[in-house]
Amino acid sequence: MKQHQVERLRRNDLIDATRKYEMLCCMRDRKSRLRIIATLLVHSWLRKTGVLETQISANKTLNPGEDRAKRDLENALATFQAYLDQAGVTADSVSGSRIIEIGPGVNSAVALQFIAAGARQVICVDKFVPRSFSAYHDKLYGMLRTRLPAAHGHNFDAAINIEARTFNPERILYIHGGFESLRLIVQDGSVDFIVSNAVIEEIYDVETALDQMCALLRPGGYMIHKIDFCDYGLFSRYGYSPFEFLTIPEWIYRAMAEATGQPNRRLIDAYRNKFNALGYDTRFTDVVSYHLSEESIAEIRPRLLPRFRKIATEDLAVSGAYLVARKPGLREREGHVRSA
């Protein structure tokens, strides 16, 4: 048997063993806090060693059925519109802009809408999901093309050839890697919008990533991030408080979460403080909070790590929001957002 076949078998054996372990841990007694932590540590180790290449629970296969494509199309249309609404701009306002989309996921439908609206270039960067084409993508992009305004069709066609399954990198550039990769190819102060949808919370060293984004953003540029502050169900799905993940010591939690795209535990106050210190015009919109009594929060507060223990109850209770932050400086001209 050839060496690569032996390695594949060993890899498959490890994955099978991990799945069996997960099944055992999903029994009722998996509500043991230590078992949950152990499972997450195993996943993290498997990903760091290259045995697993996706996030925990990520589905590597795409059902090419039209229902899945329709559902994802509606989600992409809603996400694109939400970015415009949160920034308070129209689709025409992105004409000529350069945009970074962080964590586009399994398709580039949002990026294509920016391009169709007249954006000069969209750079997509995703640490976990490489770009791919499939029957699912053919259906999705084909349906998106029919939903666009007639005037936007030319821009769409200049960015993608659906039949050939190719993108024009001058219009949509895809980077499979961390955000730090962008600093090698994107000039500082050259980006008009940086957007993401439930991704920022998965960047463990988010402070460094935000500093890099700030450097890339031009004066007057926008960051628009939809951020999830909850625990992704790591503990809450097993009956624990939604704040249980805030009780885990930092060195253990980092080992659990850093390599697997789990929440970085930066809550709303951290982002507010960060952007206020930078002098950004910052607001949080569509804020969603847990429906918890003050008593239940007070009960777990003494067990929280010191940095979470001192957070105000109203901030601790926020489970999600849009962060809209605008870099100091002027850039509007005739109602449009343009790059130099």
C-alpha atoms as a PDB file:
ATOM      1  CA  MET A   1       0.000   0.000   0.000  1.00  0.00           C
ATOM      2  CA  LYS A   2       1.348   3.433  -0.938  1.00  0.00           C
ATOM      3  CA  GLN A   3       2.298   5.956   1.729  1.00  0.00           C
ATOM      4  CA  HIS A   4      -0.455   8.456   0.838  1.00  0.00           C
ATOM      5  CA  GLN A   5      -3.054   5.650   1.100  1.00  0.00           C
ATOM      6  CA  VAL A   6      -1.762   4.704   4.541  1.00  0.00           C
ATOM      7  CA  GLU A   7      -1.939   8.345   5.646  1.00  0.00           C
ATOM      8  CA  ARG A   8      -5.498   8.638   4.325  1.00  0.00           C
ATOM      9  CA  LEU A   9      -6.552   5.546   6.272  1.00  0.00           C
ATOM     10  CA  ARG A  10      -4.976   6.899   9.449  1.00  0.00           C
ATOM     11  CA  ARG A  11      -6.701  10.214   8.881  1.00  0.00           C
ATOM     12  CA  ASN A  12     -10.066   8.502   8.360  1.00  0.00           C
ATOM     13  CA  ASP A  13      -9.551   6.371  11.478  1.00  0.00           C
ATOM     14  CA  LEU A  14      -8.932   9.510  13.524  1.00  0.00           C
ATOM     15  CA  ILE A  15     -12.030  11.192  12.144  1.00  0.00           C
ATOM     16  CA  ASP A  16     -14.148   8.079  12.800  1.00  0.00           C
ATOM     17  CA  ALA A  17     -12.829   7.870  16.344  1.00  0.00           C
ATOM     18  CA  THR A  18     -13.633  11.534  16.896  1.00  0.00           C
ATOM     19  CA  ARG A  19     -17.196  11.078  15.627  1.00  0.00           C
ATOM     20  CA  LYS A  20     -17.737   8.082  17.906  1.00  0.00           C
ATOM     21  CA  TYR A  21     -16.444  10.124  20.816  1.00  0.00           C
ATOM     22  CA  GLU A  22     -18.845  12.930  19.898  1.00  0.00           C
ATOM     23  CA  MET A  23     -21.768  10.494  19.822  1.00  0.00           C
ATOM     24  CA  LEU A  24     -20.907   9.277  23.300  1.00  0.00           C
ATOM     25  CA  CYS A  25     -20.542  12.830  24.522  1.00  0.00           C
ATOM     26  CA  CYS A  26     -23.897  13.832  23.073  1.00  0.00           C
ATOM     27  CA  MET A  27     -25.662  11.543  25.523  1.00  0.00           C
ATOM     28  CA  ARG A  28     -27.411  13.187  28.443  1.00  0.00           C
ATOM     29  CA  ASP A  29     -24.413  12.936  30.723  1.00  0.00           C
ATOM     30  CA  ARG A  30     -22.425  15.099  28.320  1.00  0.00           C
ATOM     31  CA  LYS A  31     -23.800  17.939  30.391  1.00  0.00           C
ATOM     32  CA  SER A  32     -20.624  17.468  32.396  1.00  0.00           C
ATOM     33  CA  ARG A  33     -18.677  20.696  31.981  1.00  0.00           C
ATOM     34  CA  LEU A  34     -15.394  18.793  31.786  1.00  0.00           C
ATOM     35  CA  ARG A  35     -16.665  16.573  28.958  1.00  0.00           C
ATOM     36  CA  ILE A  36     -17.719  19.600  26.931  1.00  0.00           C
ATOM     37  CA  ILE A  37     -14.300  21.177  27.400  1.00  0.00           C
ATOM     38  CA  ALA A  38     -12.535  17.909  26.532  1.00  0.00           C
ATOM     39  CA  THR A  39     -14.529  17.558  23.311  1.00  0.00           C
ATOM     40  CA  LEU A  40     -13.674  21.082  22.224  1.00  0.00           C
ATOM     41  CA  LEU A  41     -10.004  20.546  23.022  1.00  0.00           C
ATOM     42  CA  VAL A  42      -9.978  17.381  20.888  1.00  0.00           C
ATOM     43  CA  HIS A  43     -11.563  19.258  17.958  1.00  0.00           C
ATOM     44  CA  SER A  44      -9.076  22.068  18.305  1.00  0.00           C
ATOM     45  CA  TRP A  45      -6.148  19.640  18.306  1.00  0.00           C
ATOM     46  CA  LEU A  46      -7.484  17.805  15.249  1.00  0.00           C
ATOM     47  CA  ARG A  47      -7.772  21.053  13.347  1.00  0.00           C
ATOM     48  CA  LYS A  48      -4.351  22.322  14.371  1.00  0.00           C
ATOM     49  CA  THR A  49      -2.800  19.054  13.207  1.00  0.00           C
ATOM     50  CA  GLY A  50      -4.670  19.199   9.892  1.00  0.00           C
ATOM     51  CA  VAL A  51      -6.860  16.139  10.453  1.00  0.00           C
ATOM     52  CA  LEU A  52      -9.954  18.337  10.300  1.00  0.00           C
ATOM     53  CA  GLU A  53     -10.099  21.305   7.959  1.00  0.00           C
ATOM     54  CA  THR A  54     -13.448  22.839   8.874  1.00  0.00           C
ATOM     55  CA  GLN A  55     -15.042  24.470  11.860  1.00  0.00           C
ATOM     56  CA  ILE A  56     -16.860  22.366  14.428  1.00  0.00           C
ATOM     57  CA  SER A  57     -20.142  21.152  12.939  1.00  0.00           C
ATOM     58  CA  ALA A  58     -19.308  22.659   9.530  1.00  0.00           C
ATOM     59  CA  ASN A  59     -20.958  20.830   6.631  1.00  0.00           C
ATOM     60  CA  LYS A  60     -18.418  20.205   3.893  1.00  0.00           C
ATOM     61  CA  THR A  61     -21.018  19.047   1.364  1.00  0.00           C
ATOM     62  CA  LEU A  62     -23.546  21.265  -0.357  1.00  0.00           C
ATOM     63  CA  ASN A  63     -26.902  19.954  -1.432  1.00  0.00           C
ATOM     64  CA  PRO A  64     -27.281  21.205  -5.018  1.00  0.00           C
ATOM     65  CA  GLY A  65     -31.050  21.175  -4.663  1.00  0.00           C
ATOM     66  CA  GLU A  66     -32.894  24.278  -5.740  1.00  0.00           C
ATOM     67  CA  ASP A  67     -34.427  24.748  -2.286  1.00  0.00           C
ATOM     68  CA  ARG A  68     -31.004  25.236  -0.704  1.00  0.00           C
ATOM     69  CA  ALA A  69     -29.955  27.632  -3.454  1.00  0.00           C
ATOM     70  CA  LYS A  70     -33.189  29.630  -3.101  1.00  0.00           C
ATOM     71  CA  ARG A  71     -32.809  29.870   0.657  1.00  0.00           C
ATOM     72  CA  ASP A  72     -29.190  31.009   0.414  1.00  0.00           C
ATOM     73  CA  LEU A  73     -30.101  33.517  -2.290  1.00  0.00           C
ATOM     74  CA  GLU A  74     -32.724  35.125  -0.058  1.00  0.00           C
ATOM     75  CA  ASN A  75     -30.202  35.242   2.790  1.00  0.00           C
ATOM     76  CA  ALA A  76     -27.600  36.889   0.531  1.00  0.00           C
ATOM     77  CA  LEU A  77     -30.097  39.453  -0.760  1.00  0.00           C
ATOM     78  CA  ALA A  78     -31.116  40.297   2.816  1.00  0.00           C
ATOM     79  CA  THR A  79     -27.475  40.515   3.979  1.00  0.00           C
ATOM     80  CA  PHE A  80     -26.521  42.905   1.173  1.00  0.00           C
ATOM     81  CA  GLN A  81     -29.516  45.136   1.861  1.00  0.00           C
ATOM     82  CA  ALA A  82     -28.766  45.084   5.593  1.00  0.00           C
ATOM     83  CA  TYR A  83     -25.243  46.369   4.962  1.00  0.00           C
ATOM     84  CA  LEU A  84     -26.635  49.303   2.970  1.00  0.00           C
ATOM     85  CA  ASP A  85     -29.339  50.017   5.525  1.00  0.00           C
ATOM     86  CA  GLN A  86     -26.955  49.914   8.482  1.00  0.00           C
ATOM     87  CA  ALA A  87     -24.556  52.341   6.781  1.00  0.00           C
ATOM     88  CA  GLY A  88     -27.439  54.549   5.685  1.00  0.00           C
ATOM     89  CA  VAL A  89     -26.473  54.457   2.010  1.00  0.00           C
ATOM     90  CA  THR A  90     -28.108  53.309  -1.216  1.00  0.00           C
ATOM     91  CA  ALA A  91     -26.856  50.717  -3.689  1.00  0.00           C
ATOM     92  CA  ASP A  92     -25.753  53.538  -6.007  1.00  0.00           C
ATOM     93  CA  SER A  93     -23.528  54.871  -3.232  1.00  0.00           C
ATOM     94  CA  VAL A  94     -21.100  51.942  -3.562  1.00  0.00           C
ATOM     95  CA  SER A  95     -20.287  52.829  -7.164  1.00  0.00           C
ATOM     96  CA  GLY A  96     -16.532  52.883  -7.634  1.00  0.00           C
ATOM     97  CA  SER A  97     -15.860  51.547  -4.130  1.00  0.00           C
ATOM     98  CA  ARG A  98     -13.367  48.974  -3.016  1.00  0.00           C
ATOM     99  CA  ILE A  99     -14.861  46.547  -0.491  1.00  0.00           C
ATOM    100  CA  ILE A 100     -13.560  43.783   1.745  1.00  0.00           C
ATOM    101  CA  GLU A 101     -15.941  41.006   2.771  1.00  0.00           C
ATOM    102  CA  ILE A 102     -14.662  38.938   5.676  1.00  0.00           C
ATOM    103  CA  GLY A 103     -15.879  35.348   5.870  1.00  0.00           C
ATOM    104  CA  PRO A 104     -18.193  35.094   2.850  1.00  0.00           C
ATOM    105  CA  GLY A 105     -18.688  31.390   3.524  1.00  0.00           C
ATOM    106  CA  VAL A 106     -19.792  28.920   0.880  1.00  0.00           C
ATOM    107  CA  ASN A 107     -20.766  31.411  -1.828  1.00  0.00           C
ATOM    108  CA  SER A 108     -19.935  34.861  -3.204  1.00  0.00           C
ATOM    109  CA  ALA A 109     -23.491  36.094  -3.708  1.00  0.00           C
ATOM    110  CA  VAL A 110     -23.072  39.170  -1.481  1.00  0.00           C
ATOM    111  CA  ALA A 111     -19.843  40.167  -3.231  1.00  0.00           C
ATOM    112  CA  LEU A 112     -21.546  39.798  -6.596  1.00  0.00           C
ATOM    113  CA  GLN A 113     -24.296  42.182  -5.506  1.00  0.00           C
ATOM    114  CA  PHE A 114     -21.744  44.823  -4.561  1.00  0.00           C
ATOM    115  CA  ILE A 115     -20.085  44.404  -7.946  1.00  0.00           C
ATOM    116  CA  ALA A 116     -23.430  44.528  -9.758  1.00  0.00           C
ATOM    117  CA  ALA A 117     -24.218  47.796  -7.960  1.00  0.00           C
ATOM    118  CA  GLY A 118     -21.008  49.307  -9.348  1.00  0.00           C
ATOM    119  CA  ALA A 119     -18.276  48.512  -6.814  1.00  0.00           C
ATOM    120  CA  ARG A 120     -14.828  48.571  -8.401  1.00  0.00           C
ATOM    121  CA  GLN A 121     -13.574  45.475  -6.566  1.00  0.00           C
ATOM    122  CA  VAL A 122     -14.618  43.160  -3.744  1.00  0.00           C
ATOM    123  CA  ILE A 123     -11.918  41.235  -1.911  1.00  0.00           C
ATOM    124  CA  CYS A 124     -13.275  38.184  -0.080  1.00  0.00           C
ATOM    125  CA  VAL A 125     -11.161  36.615   2.654  1.00  0.00           C
ATOM    126  CA  ASP A 126     -12.121  33.412   4.461  1.00  0.00           C
ATOM    127  CA  LYS A 127      -9.920  31.428   6.822  1.00  0.00           C
ATOM    128  CA  PHE A 128     -12.086  28.310   6.895  1.00  0.00           C
ATOM    129  CA  VAL A 129     -13.849  28.012   3.513  1.00  0.00           C
ATOM    130  CA  PRO A 130     -11.969  27.866   0.189  1.00  0.00           C
ATOM    131  CA  ARG A 131     -13.735  29.068  -2.927  1.00  0.00           C
ATOM    132  CA  SER A 132     -15.553  26.328  -4.794  1.00  0.00           C
ATOM    133  CA  PHE A 133     -17.933  25.800  -7.698  1.00  0.00           C
ATOM    134  CA  SER A 134     -20.654  23.178  -7.937  1.00  0.00           C
ATOM    135  CA  ALA A 135     -24.143  22.618  -9.277  1.00  0.00           C
ATOM    136  CA  TYR A 136     -25.365  24.475  -6.182  1.00  0.00           C
ATOM    137  CA  HIS A 137     -23.325  27.549  -7.148  1.00  0.00           C
ATOM    138  CA  ASP A 138     -24.514  27.377 -10.750  1.00  0.00           C
ATOM    139  CA  LYS A 139     -28.118  27.505  -9.543  1.00  0.00           C
ATOM    140  CA  LEU A 140     -27.491  30.202  -6.951  1.00  0.00           C
ATOM    141  CA  TYR A 141     -25.587  32.584  -9.223  1.00  0.00           C
ATOM    142  CA  GLY A 142     -27.982  31.994 -12.099  1.00  0.00           C
ATOM    143  CA  MET A 143     -30.963  32.894  -9.901  1.00  0.00           C
ATOM    144  CA  LEU A 144     -29.134  35.925  -8.539  1.00  0.00           C
ATOM    145  CA  ARG A 145     -28.520  37.184 -12.080  1.00  0.00           C
ATOM    146  CA  THR A 146     -32.263  37.141 -12.784  1.00  0.00           C
ATOM    147  CA  ARG A 147     -33.041  39.075  -9.584  1.00  0.00           C
ATOM    148  CA  LEU A 148     -30.737  41.996 -10.353  1.00  0.00           C
ATOM    149  CA  PRO A 149     -31.936  45.284 -11.865  1.00  0.00           C
ATOM    150  CA  ALA A 150     -31.426  45.239 -15.624  1.00  0.00           C
ATOM    151  CA  ALA A 151     -28.884  48.055 -15.391  1.00  0.00           C
ATOM    152  CA  HIS A 152     -26.677  45.945 -13.103  1.00  0.00           C
ATOM    153  CA  GLY A 153     -26.409  42.918 -15.375  1.00  0.00           C
ATOM    154  CA  HIS A 154     -23.343  44.148 -17.263  1.00  0.00           C
ATOM    155  CA  ASN A 155     -21.325  44.571 -14.059  1.00  0.00           C
ATOM    156  CA  PHE A 156     -22.350  41.112 -12.895  1.00  0.00           C
ATOM    157  CA  ASP A 157     -21.309  39.513 -16.180  1.00  0.00           C
ATOM    158  CA  ALA A 158     -17.936  41.276 -16.047  1.00  0.00           C
ATOM    159  CA  ALA A 159     -17.205  39.610 -12.686  1.00  0.00           C
ATOM    160  CA  ILE A 160     -18.276  35.999 -13.235  1.00  0.00           C
ATOM    161  CA  ASN A 161     -18.663  33.480 -16.023  1.00  0.00           C
ATOM    162  CA  ILE A 162     -21.143  31.001 -14.581  1.00  0.00           C
ATOM    163  CA  GLU A 163     -20.823  28.516 -17.426  1.00  0.00           C
ATOM    164  CA  ALA A 164     -17.011  28.476 -17.243  1.00  0.00           C
ATOM    165  CA  ARG A 165     -17.144  28.653 -13.415  1.00  0.00           C
ATOM    166  CA  THR A 166     -14.603  31.448 -13.214  1.00  0.00           C
ATOM    167  CA  PHE A 167     -14.392  34.837 -11.499  1.00  0.00           C
ATOM    168  CA  ASN A 168     -12.574  37.903 -12.806  1.00  0.00           C
ATOM    169  CA  PRO A 169     -10.010  38.564 -10.016  1.00  0.00           C
ATOM    170  CA  GLU A 170      -9.911  42.258 -10.897  1.00  0.00           C
ATOM    171  CA  ARG A 171     -13.531  42.452  -9.788  1.00  0.00           C
ATOM    172  CA  ILE A 172     -13.799  39.705  -7.155  1.00  0.00           C
ATOM    173  CA  LEU A 173     -10.589  38.490  -5.536  1.00  0.00           C
ATOM    174  CA  TYR A 174     -10.829  35.527  -3.156  1.00  0.00           C
ATOM    175  CA  ILE A 175      -8.248  34.824  -0.456  1.00  0.00           C
ATOM    176  CA  HIS A 176      -8.384  31.560   1.487  1.00  0.00           C
ATOM    177  CA  GLY A 177      -6.506  32.503   4.623  1.00  0.00           C
ATOM    178  CA  GLY A 178      -6.413  34.820   7.601  1.00  0.00           C
ATOM    179  CA  PHE A 179      -7.089  38.529   7.521  1.00  0.00           C
ATOM    180  CA  GLU A 180      -3.385  39.237   7.871  1.00  0.00           C
ATOM    181  CA  SER A 181      -2.971  38.034   4.270  1.00  0.00           C
ATOM    182  CA  LEU A 182      -4.681  41.190   3.036  1.00  0.00           C
ATOM    183  CA  ARG A 183      -1.915  43.491   4.254  1.00  0.00           C
ATOM    184  CA  LEU A 184       0.384  41.911   1.652  1.00  0.00           C
ATOM    185  CA  ILE A 185      -1.786  42.873  -1.320  1.00  0.00           C
ATOM    186  CA  VAL A 186      -4.034  45.763  -0.245  1.00  0.00           C
ATOM    187  CA  GLN A 187      -2.656  49.250   0.217  1.00  0.00           C
ATOM    188  CA  ASP A 188      -3.429  51.046   3.463  1.00  0.00           C
ATOM    189  CA  GLY A 189      -6.176  53.643   3.202  1.00  0.00           C
ATOM    190  CA  SER A 190      -7.588  52.182  -0.029  1.00  0.00           C
ATOM    191  CA  VAL A 191     -10.789  50.454   1.127  1.00  0.00           C
ATOM    192  CA  ASP A 192     -14.227  52.079   1.407  1.00  0.00           C
ATOM    193  CA  PHE A 193     -16.224  49.353   3.163  1.00  0.00           C
ATOM    194  CA  ILE A 194     -15.259  46.364   5.314  1.00  0.00           C
ATOM    195  CA  VAL A 195     -18.231  44.082   6.018  1.00  0.00           C
ATOM    196  CA  SER A 196     -18.903  40.787   7.748  1.00  0.00           C
ATOM    197  CA  ASN A 197     -21.861  38.721   8.883  1.00  0.00           C
ATOM    198  CA  ALA A 198     -21.370  36.761  12.154  1.00  0.00           C
ATOM    199  CA  VAL A 199     -17.633  36.367  11.538  1.00  0.00           C
ATOM    200  CA  ILE A 200     -15.800  38.924  13.676  1.00  0.00           C
ATOM    201  CA  GLU A 201     -16.555  36.953  16.834  1.00  0.00           C
ATOM    202  CA  GLU A 202     -14.665  33.982  15.350  1.00  0.00           C
ATOM    203  CA  ILE A 203     -11.382  35.909  15.051  1.00  0.00           C
ATOM    204  CA  TYR A 204      -9.638  35.139  18.298  1.00  0.00           C
ATOM    205  CA  ASP A 205      -7.073  37.952  18.184  1.00  0.00           C
ATOM    206  CA  VAL A 206      -9.743  40.378  17.068  1.00  0.00           C
ATOM    207  CA  GLU A 207      -7.951  43.453  18.419  1.00  0.00           C
ATOM    208  CA  THR A 208      -5.070  42.905  15.979  1.00  0.00           C
ATOM    209  CA  ALA A 209      -7.504  42.199  13.148  1.00  0.00           C
ATOM    210  CA  LEU A 210      -9.442  45.405  13.868  1.00  0.00           C
ATOM    211  CA  ASP A 211      -6.194  47.405  13.870  1.00  0.00           C
ATOM    212  CA  GLN A 212      -5.393  45.948  10.438  1.00  0.00           C
ATOM    213  CA  MET A 213      -8.868  46.807   9.174  1.00  0.00           C
ATOM    214  CA  CYS A 214      -8.507  50.364  10.446  1.00  0.00           C
ATOM    215  CA  ALA A 215      -5.240  50.713   8.542  1.00  0.00           C
ATOM    216  CA  LEU A 216      -6.815  49.472   5.299  1.00  0.00           C
ATOM    217  CA  LEU A 217      -9.901  51.673   5.606  1.00  0.00           C
ATOM    218  CA  ARG A 218      -9.750  55.105   4.040  1.00  0.00           C
ATOM    219  CA  PRO A 219     -10.830  58.213   5.981  1.00  0.00           C
ATOM    220  CA  GLY A 220     -14.623  58.286   6.050  1.00  0.00           C
ATOM    221  CA  GLY A 221     -14.820  54.570   5.262  1.00  0.00           C
ATOM    222  CA  TYR A 222     -17.253  52.225   6.971  1.00  0.00           C
ATOM    223  CA  MET A 223     -16.943  49.019   8.908  1.00  0.00           C
ATOM    224  CA  ILE A 224     -20.230  47.132   9.129  1.00  0.00           C
ATOM    225  CA  HIS A 225     -20.089  43.958  11.181  1.00  0.00           C
ATOM    226  CA  LYS A 226     -22.950  41.806  12.380  1.00  0.00           C
ATOM    227  CA  ILE A 227     -21.583  40.321  15.605  1.00  0.00           C
ATOM    228  CA  ASP A 228     -22.858  37.393  17.654  1.00  0.00           C
ATOM    229  CA  PHE A 229     -21.905  37.655  21.329  1.00  0.00           C
ATOM    230  CA  CYS A 230     -23.359  34.326  22.459  1.00  0.00           C
ATOM    231  CA  ASP A 231     -21.574  31.010  23.057  1.00  0.00           C
ATOM    232  CA  TYR A 232     -22.648  29.314  19.797  1.00  0.00           C
ATOM    233  CA  GLY A 233     -24.369  26.739  22.013  1.00  0.00           C
ATOM    234  CA  LEU A 234     -21.060  25.384  23.318  1.00  0.00           C
ATOM    235  CA  PHE A 235     -22.522  25.158  26.820  1.00  0.00           C
ATOM    236  CA  SER A 236     -26.008  26.663  26.589  1.00  0.00           C
ATOM    237  CA  ARG A 237     -27.317  23.815  24.425  1.00  0.00           C
ATOM    238  CA  TYR A 238     -26.683  21.466  27.341  1.00  0.00           C
ATOM    239  CA  GLY A 239     -28.683  23.500  29.822  1.00  0.00           C
ATOM    240  CA  TYR A 240     -25.950  25.800  31.081  1.00  0.00           C
ATOM    241  CA  SER A 241     -26.266  29.555  31.438  1.00  0.00           C
ATOM    242  CA  PRO A 242     -25.450  31.435  28.199  1.00  0.00           C
ATOM    243  CA  PHE A 243     -22.631  32.998  30.214  1.00  0.00           C
ATOM    244  CA  GLU A 244     -21.000  29.703  31.230  1.00  0.00           C
ATOM    245  CA  PHE A 245     -18.340  30.088  28.536  1.00  0.00           C
ATOM    246  CA  LEU A 246     -17.268  33.314  30.270  1.00  0.00           C
ATOM    247  CA  THR A 247     -16.211  31.305  33.326  1.00  0.00           C
ATOM    248  CA  ILE A 248     -13.526  29.218  31.569  1.00  0.00           C
ATOM    249  CA  PRO A 249      -9.927  30.302  32.315  1.00  0.00           C
ATOM    250  CA  GLU A 250      -8.373  32.143  29.386  1.00  0.00           C
ATOM    251  CA  TRP A 251      -5.562  29.650  28.692  1.00  0.00           C
ATOM    252  CA  ILE A 252      -8.032  26.745  28.506  1.00  0.00           C
ATOM    253  CA  TYR A 253     -10.584  28.632  26.418  1.00  0.00           C
ATOM    254  CA  ARG A 254      -7.965  29.781  23.939  1.00  0.00           C
ATOM    255  CA  ALA A 255      -6.877  26.171  23.419  1.00  0.00           C
ATOM    256  CA  MET A 256     -10.540  25.229  22.895  1.00  0.00           C
ATOM    257  CA  ALA A 257     -11.539  28.007  20.531  1.00  0.00           C
ATOM    258  CA  GLU A 258      -8.656  29.631  18.694  1.00  0.00           C
ATOM    259  CA  ALA A 259      -8.297  27.102  15.871  1.00  0.00           C
ATOM    260  CA  THR A 260     -11.964  26.170  15.464  1.00  0.00           C
ATOM    261  CA  GLY A 261     -13.796  29.414  14.829  1.00  0.00           C
ATOM    262  CA  GLN A 262     -15.575  29.525  18.171  1.00  0.00           C
ATOM    263  CA  PRO A 263     -16.553  32.815  19.881  1.00  0.00           C
ATOM    264  CA  ASN A 264     -13.660  35.020  20.979  1.00  0.00           C
ATOM    265  CA  ARG A 265     -15.591  36.221  24.083  1.00  0.00           C
ATOM    266  CA  ARG A 266     -15.265  39.922  23.186  1.00  0.00           C
ATOM    267  CA  LEU A 267     -18.569  41.442  24.235  1.00  0.00           C
ATOM    268  CA  ILE A 268     -20.220  44.650  23.096  1.00  0.00           C
ATOM    269  CA  ASP A 269     -18.317  46.811  25.582  1.00  0.00           C
ATOM    270  CA  ALA A 270     -14.971  45.750  24.085  1.00  0.00           C
ATOM    271  CA  TYR A 271     -15.947  46.949  20.605  1.00  0.00           C
ATOM    272  CA  ARG A 272     -17.459  50.167  21.935  1.00  0.00           C
ATOM    273  CA  ASN A 273     -14.303  50.991  23.872  1.00  0.00           C
ATOM    274  CA  LYS A 274     -12.059  50.096  20.934  1.00  0.00           C
ATOM    275  CA  PHE A 275     -13.741  52.322  18.367  1.00  0.00           C
ATOM    276  CA  ASN A 276     -14.451  55.191  20.738  1.00  0.00           C
ATOM    277  CA  ALA A 277     -10.738  55.280  21.561  1.00  0.00           C
ATOM    278  CA  LEU A 278      -9.986  55.491  17.837  1.00  0.00           C
ATOM    279  CA  GLY A 279     -12.360  58.412  17.425  1.00  0.00           C
ATOM    280  CA  TYR A 280     -14.708  56.553  15.099  1.00  0.00           C
ATOM    281  CA  ASP A 281     -18.344  57.537  14.724  1.00  0.00           C
ATOM    282  CA  THR A 282     -19.714  54.324  16.215  1.00  0.00           C
ATOM    283  CA  ARG A 283     -23.192  52.956  16.764  1.00  0.00           C
ATOM    284  CA  PHE A 284     -24.791  49.604  17.498  1.00  0.00           C
ATOM    285  CA  THR A 285     -28.042  48.760  15.750  1.00  0.00           C
ATOM    286  CA  ASP A 286     -30.538  45.898  15.757  1.00  0.00           C
ATOM    287  CA  VAL A 287     -29.385  45.016  19.256  1.00  0.00           C
ATOM    288  CA  VAL A 288     -30.721  41.687  20.566  1.00  0.00           C
ATOM    289  CA  SER A 289     -30.557  40.735  24.248  1.00  0.00           C
ATOM    290  CA  TYR A 290     -31.111  37.568  26.246  1.00  0.00           C
ATOM    291  CA  HIS A 291     -34.473  37.289  27.979  1.00  0.00           C
ATOM    292  CA  LEU A 292     -32.994  36.646  31.394  1.00  0.00           C
ATOM    293  CA  SER A 293     -33.911  37.915  34.814  1.00  0.00           C
ATOM    294  CA  GLU A 294     -31.509  40.094  36.739  1.00  0.00           C
ATOM    295  CA  GLU A 295     -31.491  37.370  39.373  1.00  0.00           C
ATOM    296  CA  SER A 296     -30.158  34.738  36.959  1.00  0.00           C
ATOM    297  CA  ILE A 297     -27.393  37.088  35.828  1.00  0.00           C
ATOM    298  CA  ALA A 298     -26.550  37.985  39.416  1.00  0.00           C
ATOM    299  CA  GLU A 299     -26.338  34.297  40.264  1.00  0.00           C
ATOM    300  CA  ILE A 300     -23.599  33.517  37.738  1.00  0.00           C
ATOM    301  CA  ARG A 301     -21.756  36.850  37.909  1.00  0.00           C
ATOM    302  CA  PRO A 302     -19.461  35.774  40.820  1.00  0.00           C
ATOM    303  CA  ARG A 303     -18.262  32.809  38.702  1.00  0.00           C
ATOM    304  CA  LEU A 304     -17.366  34.920  35.676  1.00  0.00           C
ATOM    305  CA  LEU A 305     -13.759  35.756  34.922  1.00  0.00           C
ATOM    306  CA  PRO A 306     -12.795  39.113  36.479  1.00  0.00           C
ATOM    307  CA  ARG A 307     -12.918  41.012  33.184  1.00  0.00           C
ATOM    308  CA  PHE A 308     -16.505  39.883  32.559  1.00  0.00           C
ATOM    309  CA  ARG A 309     -17.621  40.217  36.159  1.00  0.00           C
ATOM    310  CA  LYS A 310     -17.364  44.008  36.043  1.00  0.00           C
ATOM    311  CA  ILE A 311     -19.349  44.455  32.808  1.00  0.00           C
ATOM    312  CA  ALA A 312     -22.650  46.275  33.185  1.00  0.00           C
ATOM    313  CA  THR A 313     -25.716  44.010  33.148  1.00  0.00           C
ATOM    314  CA  GLU A 314     -27.184  45.678  30.052  1.00  0.00           C
ATOM    315  CA  ASP A 315     -23.957  44.990  28.115  1.00  0.00           C
ATOM    316  CA  LEU A 316     -23.558  41.464  29.440  1.00  0.00           C
ATOM    317  CA  ALA A 317     -27.112  40.657  28.327  1.00  0.00           C
ATOM    318  CA  VAL A 318     -26.546  41.639  24.668  1.00  0.00           C
ATOM    319  CA  SER A 319     -26.445  38.526  22.470  1.00  0.00           C
ATOM    320  CA  GLY A 320     -26.025  40.188  19.084  1.00  0.00           C
ATOM    321  CA  ALA A 321     -25.886  43.497  17.201  1.00  0.00           C
ATOM    322  CA  TYR A 322     -24.627  45.298  14.140  1.00  0.00           C
ATOM    323  CA  LEU A 323     -21.517  47.383  14.686  1.00  0.00           C
ATOM    324  CA  VAL A 324     -21.368  50.377  12.346  1.00  0.00           C
ATOM    325  CA  ALA A 325     -18.152  52.363  12.661  1.00  0.00           C
ATOM    326  CA  ARG A 326     -17.016  55.182  10.402  1.00  0.00           C
ATOM    327  CA  LYS A 327     -13.393  56.259  10.250  1.00  0.00           C
ATOM    328  CA  PRO A 328     -12.762  59.941  10.913  1.00  0.00           C
ATOM    329  CA  GLY A 329     -12.412  61.997   7.722  1.00  0.00           C
ATOM    330  CA  LEU A 330     -14.425  63.124   4.733  1.00  0.00           C
ATOM    331  CA  ARG A 331     -14.982  61.207   1.541  1.00  0.00           C
ATOM    332  CA  GLU A 332     -18.458  61.979   0.164  1.00  0.00           C
ATOM    333  CA  ARG A 333     -18.610  63.556  -3.224  1.00  0.00           C
ATOM    334  CA  GLU A 334     -21.917  63.963  -5.047  1.00  0.00           C
ATOM    335  CA  GLY A 335     -23.480  61.348  -2.789  1.00  0.00           C
ATOM    336  CA  HIS A 336     -21.131  58.579  -3.884  1.00  0.00           C
ATOM    337  CA  VAL A 337     -18.446  56.641  -2.054  1.00  0.00           C
ATOM    338  CA  ARG A 338     -15.312  56.421  -4.170  1.00  0.00           C
ATOM    339  CA  SER A 339     -11.752  55.203  -3.871  1.00  0.00           C
ATOM    340  CA  ALA A 340      -8.832  57.301  -4.977  1.00  0.00           C
END
